[in-house]
Amino acid sequence: MNKQEQINHFLESLGDFIERYYSSAVTQVTKHPEDDWVKVVIEGPQGTTIELSSENVEVTVGFGESHWHIDSYDEPCNMEDIFKNTIDSVIDILRFKTASYSCWREGRCLGGASCSNDVEGKGVISEARESFGDSDEIRFQTWASELRTVKV
């Protein structure tokens, strides 16, 4: 099995696991096979979603208005690291440990990232100002909650 097939199979299995064992935290898990990659969508309360994609032979985790990539650039590739880091990312979102934010200026997205869940947002606002200094609003997303917008 090549790397793409391994990641595809892993994401499909992870979707099955989440649906079966985290059913109280999710409303639905769907799989969308593409040409040679797969997308798994985990849906939750308040319209929150986690999108997992294996496009480009890596895992992309999309949550809120942000996304991040998980891969092993070592040769030979360490698939265990990819699997572990993906599982950690998904479980941390579902357990409210990881949130995401995006920075905006005059209605245009400047960028964003995942972050520790900081209910008050003070640490994230400080981090966002360092990375995206000219933003006028920050949008926060945590699992099972509505998108929160803070004017800065």
N, C-alpha and C. Protein backbone atom coordinates (compact mmCIF):
# COMPACT_ATOMS: atom_id res chain seq x y z
N MET A 1 0.86 -1.17 0.00
CA MET A 1 0.00 0.00 0.00
C MET A 1 0.91 1.24 0.00
N ASN A 2 0.67 2.19 -0.92
CA ASN A 2 1.49 3.39 -0.95
C ASN A 2 1.01 4.40 0.10
N LYS A 3 1.75 5.50 0.25
CA LYS A 3 1.45 6.48 1.28
C LYS A 3 0.04 7.05 1.12
N GLN A 4 -0.36 7.38 -0.10
CA GLN A 4 -1.70 7.94 -0.33
C GLN A 4 -2.78 6.96 0.13
N GLU A 5 -2.64 5.70 -0.24
CA GLU A 5 -3.61 4.68 0.15
C GLU A 5 -3.64 4.48 1.66
N GLN A 6 -2.48 4.55 2.30
CA GLN A 6 -2.43 4.40 3.76
C GLN A 6 -3.17 5.55 4.45
N ILE A 7 -2.94 6.78 3.98
CA ILE A 7 -3.61 7.93 4.59
C ILE A 7 -5.12 7.87 4.32
N ASN A 8 -5.50 7.51 3.12
CA ASN A 8 -6.94 7.36 2.81
C ASN A 8 -7.59 6.37 3.76
N HIS A 9 -7.01 5.20 3.87
CA HIS A 9 -7.56 4.15 4.72
C HIS A 9 -7.63 4.61 6.18
N PHE A 10 -6.56 5.26 6.64
CA PHE A 10 -6.52 5.76 8.01
C PHE A 10 -7.65 6.76 8.26
N LEU A 11 -7.84 7.74 7.38
CA LEU A 11 -8.89 8.74 7.60
C LEU A 11 -10.28 8.12 7.60
N GLU A 12 -10.52 7.16 6.72
CA GLU A 12 -11.81 6.48 6.72
C GLU A 12 -12.02 5.72 8.03
N SER A 13 -10.98 5.05 8.51
CA SER A 13 -11.07 4.32 9.78
C SER A 13 -11.26 5.27 10.96
N LEU A 14 -10.57 6.39 10.94
CA LEU A 14 -10.72 7.38 12.00
C LEU A 14 -12.16 7.92 12.02
N GLY A 15 -12.72 8.18 10.84
CA GLY A 15 -14.12 8.61 10.75
C GLY A 15 -15.05 7.59 11.37
N ASP A 16 -14.83 6.30 11.08
CA ASP A 16 -15.65 5.24 11.67
C ASP A 16 -15.51 5.23 13.19
N PHE A 17 -14.28 5.37 13.67
CA PHE A 17 -14.02 5.37 15.12
C PHE A 17 -14.75 6.53 15.80
N ILE A 18 -14.61 7.72 15.25
CA ILE A 18 -15.26 8.91 15.83
C ILE A 18 -16.77 8.73 15.85
N GLU A 19 -17.32 8.25 14.77
CA GLU A 19 -18.77 8.06 14.69
C GLU A 19 -19.24 7.03 15.72
N ARG A 20 -18.47 5.99 15.91
CA ARG A 20 -18.87 4.91 16.81
C ARG A 20 -18.62 5.26 18.28
N TYR A 21 -17.47 5.86 18.59
CA TYR A 21 -17.09 6.03 19.99
C TYR A 21 -17.19 7.46 20.52
N TYR A 22 -17.43 8.41 19.64
CA TYR A 22 -17.64 9.79 20.08
C TYR A 22 -19.01 10.28 19.62
N SER A 23 -19.97 9.38 19.55
CA SER A 23 -21.29 9.73 19.00
C SER A 23 -21.99 10.81 19.81
N SER A 24 -21.67 10.96 21.08
CA SER A 24 -22.31 12.01 21.87
C SER A 24 -21.77 13.40 21.51
N ALA A 25 -20.59 13.46 20.89
CA ALA A 25 -19.99 14.75 20.54
C ALA A 25 -20.22 15.13 19.08
N VAL A 26 -20.68 14.19 18.26
CA VAL A 26 -20.86 14.46 16.83
C VAL A 26 -22.28 14.11 16.40
N THR A 27 -22.73 14.77 15.36
CA THR A 27 -24.07 14.48 14.83
C THR A 27 -24.02 13.57 13.61
N GLN A 28 -22.89 13.64 12.87
CA GLN A 28 -22.78 12.82 11.67
C GLN A 28 -21.34 12.82 11.18
N VAL A 29 -20.95 11.69 10.59
CA VAL A 29 -19.64 11.58 9.93
C VAL A 29 -19.90 11.08 8.52
N THR A 30 -19.38 11.81 7.54
CA THR A 30 -19.55 11.39 6.15
C THR A 30 -18.19 11.27 5.48
N LYS A 31 -18.12 10.34 4.51
CA LYS A 31 -16.89 10.13 3.75
C LYS A 31 -17.16 10.48 2.30
N HIS A 32 -16.23 11.19 1.72
CA HIS A 32 -16.36 11.63 0.34
C HIS A 32 -15.13 11.19 -0.44
N PRO A 33 -15.19 10.02 -1.09
CA PRO A 33 -14.04 9.58 -1.89
C PRO A 33 -13.89 10.46 -3.13
N GLU A 34 -12.67 10.86 -3.41
CA GLU A 34 -12.36 11.61 -4.61
C GLU A 34 -11.58 10.67 -5.54
N ASP A 35 -10.91 11.22 -6.56
CA ASP A 35 -10.19 10.37 -7.51
C ASP A 35 -9.21 9.44 -6.81
N ASP A 36 -8.22 10.00 -6.12
CA ASP A 36 -7.25 9.15 -5.43
C ASP A 36 -7.06 9.57 -3.97
N TRP A 37 -7.95 10.39 -3.46
CA TRP A 37 -7.87 10.83 -2.06
C TRP A 37 -9.27 10.82 -1.47
N VAL A 38 -9.38 11.13 -0.18
CA VAL A 38 -10.66 11.06 0.50
C VAL A 38 -10.82 12.28 1.41
N LYS A 39 -12.06 12.68 1.61
CA LYS A 39 -12.38 13.72 2.59
C LYS A 39 -13.38 13.13 3.57
N VAL A 40 -13.12 13.32 4.86
CA VAL A 40 -14.02 12.87 5.91
C VAL A 40 -14.51 14.13 6.63
N VAL A 41 -15.82 14.25 6.77
CA VAL A 41 -16.41 15.41 7.43
C VAL A 41 -17.09 14.96 8.71
N ILE A 42 -16.65 15.54 9.82
CA ILE A 42 -17.22 15.26 11.13
C ILE A 42 -18.08 16.47 11.50
N GLU A 43 -19.38 16.26 11.63
CA GLU A 43 -20.29 17.35 11.94
C GLU A 43 -20.71 17.29 13.39
N GLY A 44 -20.87 18.47 13.98
CA GLY A 44 -21.25 18.54 15.38
C GLY A 44 -22.32 19.57 15.63
N PRO A 45 -22.66 19.77 16.89
CA PRO A 45 -23.66 20.76 17.27
C PRO A 45 -23.26 22.17 16.81
N GLN A 46 -24.24 23.02 16.67
CA GLN A 46 -24.05 24.42 16.28
C GLN A 46 -23.42 24.56 14.90
N GLY A 47 -23.52 23.52 14.06
CA GLY A 47 -22.98 23.60 12.70
C GLY A 47 -21.46 23.50 12.62
N THR A 48 -20.81 23.10 13.70
CA THR A 48 -19.35 22.97 13.65
C THR A 48 -18.96 21.73 12.85
N THR A 49 -17.86 21.83 12.14
CA THR A 49 -17.37 20.70 11.36
C THR A 49 -15.84 20.61 11.46
N ILE A 50 -15.38 19.41 11.36
CA ILE A 50 -13.96 19.13 11.17
C ILE A 50 -13.87 18.43 9.83
N GLU A 51 -13.06 18.97 8.93
CA GLU A 51 -12.85 18.32 7.63
C GLU A 51 -11.44 17.76 7.60
N LEU A 52 -11.35 16.48 7.31
CA LEU A 52 -10.07 15.80 7.17
C LEU A 52 -9.90 15.41 5.71
N SER A 53 -8.80 15.79 5.12
CA SER A 53 -8.55 15.50 3.72
C SER A 53 -7.19 14.84 3.56
N SER A 54 -7.12 13.91 2.60
CA SER A 54 -5.84 13.27 2.29
C SER A 54 -5.28 13.76 0.95
N GLU A 55 -5.83 14.84 0.45
CA GLU A 55 -5.37 15.39 -0.83
C GLU A 55 -3.90 15.77 -0.73
N ASN A 56 -3.15 15.57 -1.81
CA ASN A 56 -1.72 15.88 -1.89
C ASN A 56 -0.86 15.03 -0.95
N VAL A 57 -1.32 13.83 -0.65
CA VAL A 57 -0.56 12.84 0.12
C VAL A 57 -0.13 13.40 1.49
N GLU A 58 -1.05 14.08 2.14
CA GLU A 58 -0.86 14.58 3.50
C GLU A 58 -2.23 14.69 4.13
N VAL A 59 -2.29 14.89 5.43
CA VAL A 59 -3.56 15.12 6.10
C VAL A 59 -3.73 16.63 6.27
N THR A 60 -4.88 17.13 5.86
CA THR A 60 -5.24 18.51 6.11
C THR A 60 -6.43 18.49 7.05
N VAL A 61 -6.31 19.21 8.17
CA VAL A 61 -7.38 19.32 9.15
C VAL A 61 -7.97 20.71 8.99
N GLY A 62 -9.26 20.78 8.65
CA GLY A 62 -9.95 22.06 8.54
C GLY A 62 -10.94 22.18 9.68
N PHE A 63 -10.82 23.27 10.44
CA PHE A 63 -11.74 23.50 11.55
C PHE A 63 -11.98 24.99 11.67
N GLY A 64 -13.24 25.37 11.78
CA GLY A 64 -13.58 26.79 11.83
C GLY A 64 -13.18 27.42 10.51
N GLU A 65 -12.52 28.54 10.58
CA GLU A 65 -12.09 29.23 9.37
C GLU A 65 -10.59 29.08 9.17
N SER A 66 -10.03 27.97 9.68
CA SER A 66 -8.60 27.71 9.61
C SER A 66 -8.35 26.27 9.19
N HIS A 67 -7.13 26.00 8.79
CA HIS A 67 -6.73 24.62 8.50
C HIS A 67 -5.24 24.48 8.76
N TRP A 68 -4.79 23.23 8.97
CA TRP A 68 -3.38 22.95 9.15
C TRP A 68 -3.08 21.60 8.54
N HIS A 69 -1.80 21.41 8.24
CA HIS A 69 -1.34 20.21 7.54
C HIS A 69 -0.55 19.32 8.48
N ILE A 70 -0.72 18.02 8.30
CA ILE A 70 0.02 17.03 9.08
C ILE A 70 0.69 16.08 8.10
N ASP A 71 2.00 16.01 8.19
CA ASP A 71 2.75 15.12 7.31
C ASP A 71 4.06 14.76 8.00
N SER A 72 4.71 13.78 7.45
CA SER A 72 6.05 13.41 7.89
C SER A 72 6.93 13.56 6.66
N TYR A 73 7.86 14.48 6.74
CA TYR A 73 8.72 14.74 5.58
C TYR A 73 10.00 13.91 5.66
N ASP A 74 10.06 13.03 6.67
CA ASP A 74 11.21 12.15 6.81
C ASP A 74 11.18 11.09 5.71
N GLU A 75 12.34 10.62 5.36
CA GLU A 75 12.45 9.49 4.44
C GLU A 75 13.22 8.40 5.15
N PRO A 76 12.70 7.23 5.34
CA PRO A 76 11.35 6.85 4.93
C PRO A 76 10.31 7.55 5.82
N CYS A 77 9.14 7.70 5.27
CA CYS A 77 8.04 8.41 5.93
C CYS A 77 7.61 7.68 7.20
N ASN A 78 7.38 8.45 8.26
CA ASN A 78 6.93 7.87 9.52
C ASN A 78 5.40 8.01 9.60
N MET A 79 4.70 7.00 9.11
CA MET A 79 3.23 7.04 9.07
C MET A 79 2.64 7.11 10.48
N GLU A 80 3.30 6.48 11.44
CA GLU A 80 2.79 6.49 12.81
C GLU A 80 2.69 7.93 13.34
N ASP A 81 3.67 8.77 13.02
CA ASP A 81 3.61 10.18 13.44
C ASP A 81 2.42 10.90 12.81
N ILE A 82 2.18 10.66 11.53
CA ILE A 82 1.03 11.28 10.85
C ILE A 82 -0.26 10.84 11.53
N PHE A 83 -0.40 9.55 11.78
CA PHE A 83 -1.63 9.03 12.40
C PHE A 83 -1.81 9.59 13.80
N LYS A 84 -0.76 9.56 14.61
CA LYS A 84 -0.85 10.05 15.99
C LYS A 84 -1.20 11.54 16.03
N ASN A 85 -0.52 12.34 15.22
CA ASN A 85 -0.77 13.79 15.23
C ASN A 85 -2.17 14.12 14.73
N THR A 86 -2.69 13.35 13.79
CA THR A 86 -4.06 13.57 13.31
C THR A 86 -5.06 13.22 14.40
N ILE A 87 -4.88 12.08 15.03
CA ILE A 87 -5.78 11.67 16.12
C ILE A 87 -5.75 12.72 17.23
N ASP A 88 -4.56 13.15 17.63
CA ASP A 88 -4.44 14.17 18.68
C ASP A 88 -5.18 15.45 18.29
N SER A 89 -5.04 15.89 17.05
CA SER A 89 -5.72 17.12 16.59
C SER A 89 -7.23 16.99 16.69
N VAL A 90 -7.76 15.90 16.20
CA VAL A 90 -9.21 15.71 16.19
C VAL A 90 -9.76 15.58 17.62
N ILE A 91 -9.13 14.77 18.43
CA ILE A 91 -9.61 14.58 19.81
C ILE A 91 -9.49 15.88 20.60
N ASP A 92 -8.42 16.64 20.40
CA ASP A 92 -8.28 17.92 21.10
C ASP A 92 -9.37 18.91 20.71
N ILE A 93 -9.80 18.89 19.46
CA ILE A 93 -10.92 19.75 19.05
C ILE A 93 -12.20 19.29 19.74
N LEU A 94 -12.48 17.98 19.68
CA LEU A 94 -13.70 17.44 20.28
C LEU A 94 -13.74 17.61 21.79
N ARG A 95 -12.58 17.68 22.44
CA ARG A 95 -12.51 17.83 23.89
C ARG A 95 -12.33 19.30 24.30
N PHE A 96 -12.50 20.22 23.35
CA PHE A 96 -12.45 21.66 23.60
C PHE A 96 -11.06 22.15 24.00
N LYS A 97 -10.01 21.40 23.70
CA LYS A 97 -8.66 21.84 24.01
C LYS A 97 -8.08 22.70 22.89
N THR A 98 -8.51 22.44 21.66
CA THR A 98 -8.02 23.19 20.51
C THR A 98 -9.17 23.96 19.89
N ALA A 99 -8.90 25.21 19.57
CA ALA A 99 -9.85 26.08 18.88
C ALA A 99 -9.15 26.58 17.61
N SER A 100 -9.83 27.41 16.86
CA SER A 100 -9.17 28.05 15.72
C SER A 100 -9.59 29.51 15.69
N TYR A 101 -8.77 30.30 15.03
CA TYR A 101 -9.11 31.71 14.86
C TYR A 101 -8.73 32.15 13.45
N SER A 102 -9.38 33.20 13.00
CA SER A 102 -9.00 33.85 11.75
C SER A 102 -9.05 35.36 11.97
N CYS A 103 -8.13 36.05 11.33
CA CYS A 103 -8.03 37.51 11.46
C CYS A 103 -8.54 38.17 10.19
N TRP A 104 -9.28 39.25 10.37
CA TRP A 104 -9.94 39.92 9.25
C TRP A 104 -9.64 41.41 9.28
N ARG A 105 -9.59 42.01 8.12
CA ARG A 105 -9.45 43.46 7.98
C ARG A 105 -10.38 43.90 6.87
N GLU A 106 -11.36 44.73 7.24
CA GLU A 106 -12.33 45.27 6.28
C GLU A 106 -12.97 44.17 5.43
N GLY A 107 -13.37 43.08 6.10
CA GLY A 107 -14.09 42.00 5.43
C GLY A 107 -13.21 41.04 4.65
N ARG A 108 -11.90 41.17 4.73
CA ARG A 108 -10.98 40.28 4.00
C ARG A 108 -10.16 39.48 5.02
N CYS A 109 -10.12 38.17 4.80
CA CYS A 109 -9.37 37.29 5.71
C CYS A 109 -7.87 37.46 5.48
N LEU A 110 -7.13 37.70 6.57
CA LEU A 110 -5.69 37.85 6.50
C LEU A 110 -4.96 36.55 6.80
N GLY A 111 -5.64 35.63 7.48
CA GLY A 111 -5.04 34.35 7.85
C GLY A 111 -5.55 33.90 9.20
N GLY A 112 -5.05 32.78 9.64
CA GLY A 112 -5.49 32.26 10.92
C GLY A 112 -4.68 31.05 11.31
N ALA A 113 -5.10 30.40 12.38
CA ALA A 113 -4.36 29.25 12.88
C ALA A 113 -5.19 28.50 13.90
N SER A 114 -4.69 27.34 14.29
CA SER A 114 -5.27 26.64 15.44
C SER A 114 -4.62 27.23 16.68
N CYS A 115 -5.27 27.06 17.81
CA CYS A 115 -4.76 27.62 19.06
C CYS A 115 -5.32 26.85 20.23
N SER A 116 -4.72 27.05 21.40
CA SER A 116 -5.29 26.48 22.61
C SER A 116 -6.63 27.15 22.85
N ASN A 117 -7.58 26.40 23.38
CA ASN A 117 -8.89 26.98 23.66
C ASN A 117 -8.75 27.95 24.82
N ASP A 118 -8.88 29.21 24.52
CA ASP A 118 -8.76 30.29 25.49
C ASP A 118 -10.10 31.00 25.50
N VAL A 119 -10.94 30.67 26.48
CA VAL A 119 -12.32 31.16 26.50
C VAL A 119 -12.37 32.68 26.40
N GLU A 120 -11.49 33.36 27.08
CA GLU A 120 -11.48 34.82 27.05
C GLU A 120 -10.86 35.35 25.76
N GLY A 121 -9.99 34.56 25.14
CA GLY A 121 -9.39 34.97 23.88
C GLY A 121 -8.22 35.92 24.02
N LYS A 122 -7.82 36.27 25.23
CA LYS A 122 -6.75 37.26 25.42
C LYS A 122 -5.42 36.80 24.83
N GLY A 123 -5.04 35.56 25.10
CA GLY A 123 -3.79 35.04 24.56
C GLY A 123 -3.82 34.96 23.05
N VAL A 124 -4.95 34.57 22.52
CA VAL A 124 -5.09 34.45 21.07
C VAL A 124 -5.07 35.84 20.43
N ILE A 125 -5.73 36.79 21.04
CA ILE A 125 -5.73 38.15 20.50
C ILE A 125 -4.31 38.69 20.44
N SER A 126 -3.55 38.45 21.48
CA SER A 126 -2.15 38.90 21.50
C SER A 126 -1.34 38.22 20.40
N GLU A 127 -1.52 36.89 20.27
CA GLU A 127 -0.82 36.14 19.22
C GLU A 127 -1.24 36.62 17.83
N ALA A 128 -2.53 36.85 17.65
CA ALA A 128 -3.04 37.29 16.35
C ALA A 128 -2.51 38.68 15.99
N ARG A 129 -2.41 39.56 16.97
CA ARG A 129 -1.89 40.90 16.70
C ARG A 129 -0.43 40.84 16.26
N GLU A 130 0.32 39.91 16.82
CA GLU A 130 1.72 39.75 16.41
C GLU A 130 1.81 39.26 14.97
N SER A 131 0.94 38.31 14.60
CA SER A 131 0.99 37.73 13.26
C SER A 131 0.25 38.55 12.22
N PHE A 132 -0.87 39.16 12.61
CA PHE A 132 -1.73 39.89 11.67
C PHE A 132 -2.08 41.23 12.30
N GLY A 133 -1.09 42.09 12.44
CA GLY A 133 -1.23 43.33 13.20
C GLY A 133 -2.31 44.28 12.74
N ASP A 134 -2.64 44.27 11.47
CA ASP A 134 -3.62 45.25 11.00
C ASP A 134 -5.04 44.69 10.92
N SER A 135 -5.33 43.63 11.65
CA SER A 135 -6.69 43.08 11.63
C SER A 135 -7.62 43.94 12.48
N ASP A 136 -8.89 43.97 12.07
CA ASP A 136 -9.87 44.72 12.85
C ASP A 136 -10.89 43.82 13.53
N GLU A 137 -10.84 42.51 13.21
CA GLU A 137 -11.68 41.55 13.92
C GLU A 137 -11.03 40.18 13.90
N ILE A 138 -11.32 39.43 14.95
CA ILE A 138 -10.83 38.05 15.06
C ILE A 138 -12.04 37.16 15.28
N ARG A 139 -12.10 36.08 14.51
CA ARG A 139 -13.19 35.11 14.64
C ARG A 139 -12.65 33.85 15.30
N PHE A 140 -13.31 33.42 16.38
CA PHE A 140 -12.91 32.24 17.15
C PHE A 140 -13.92 31.12 16.93
N GLN A 141 -13.42 29.90 16.82
CA GLN A 141 -14.30 28.74 16.73
C GLN A 141 -13.85 27.68 17.72
N THR A 142 -14.77 27.21 18.53
CA THR A 142 -14.55 26.05 19.37
C THR A 142 -15.62 25.03 19.02
N TRP A 143 -15.37 23.79 19.35
CA TRP A 143 -16.30 22.71 19.00
C TRP A 143 -17.65 22.95 19.68
N ALA A 144 -18.71 22.68 18.96
CA ALA A 144 -20.08 22.71 19.46
C ALA A 144 -20.50 24.10 19.94
N SER A 145 -19.91 25.14 19.36
CA SER A 145 -20.32 26.50 19.72
C SER A 145 -20.37 27.36 18.46
N GLU A 146 -21.11 28.43 18.55
CA GLU A 146 -21.21 29.34 17.42
C GLU A 146 -19.91 30.09 17.23
N LEU A 147 -19.65 30.49 15.99
CA LEU A 147 -18.49 31.31 15.68
C LEU A 147 -18.61 32.62 16.46
N ARG A 148 -17.52 32.99 17.15
CA ARG A 148 -17.52 34.20 17.95
C ARG A 148 -16.61 35.23 17.29
N THR A 149 -17.10 36.45 17.16
CA THR A 149 -16.33 37.52 16.55
C THR A 149 -15.99 38.58 17.60
N VAL A 150 -14.71 38.97 17.61
CA VAL A 150 -14.24 40.00 18.54
C VAL A 150 -13.65 41.14 17.71
N LYS A 151 -14.13 42.34 17.91
CA LYS A 151 -13.57 43.52 17.25
C LYS A 151 -12.31 43.92 18.01
N VAL A 152 -11.24 44.21 17.27
CA VAL A 152 -9.98 44.63 17.91
C VAL A 152 -9.54 45.98 17.39
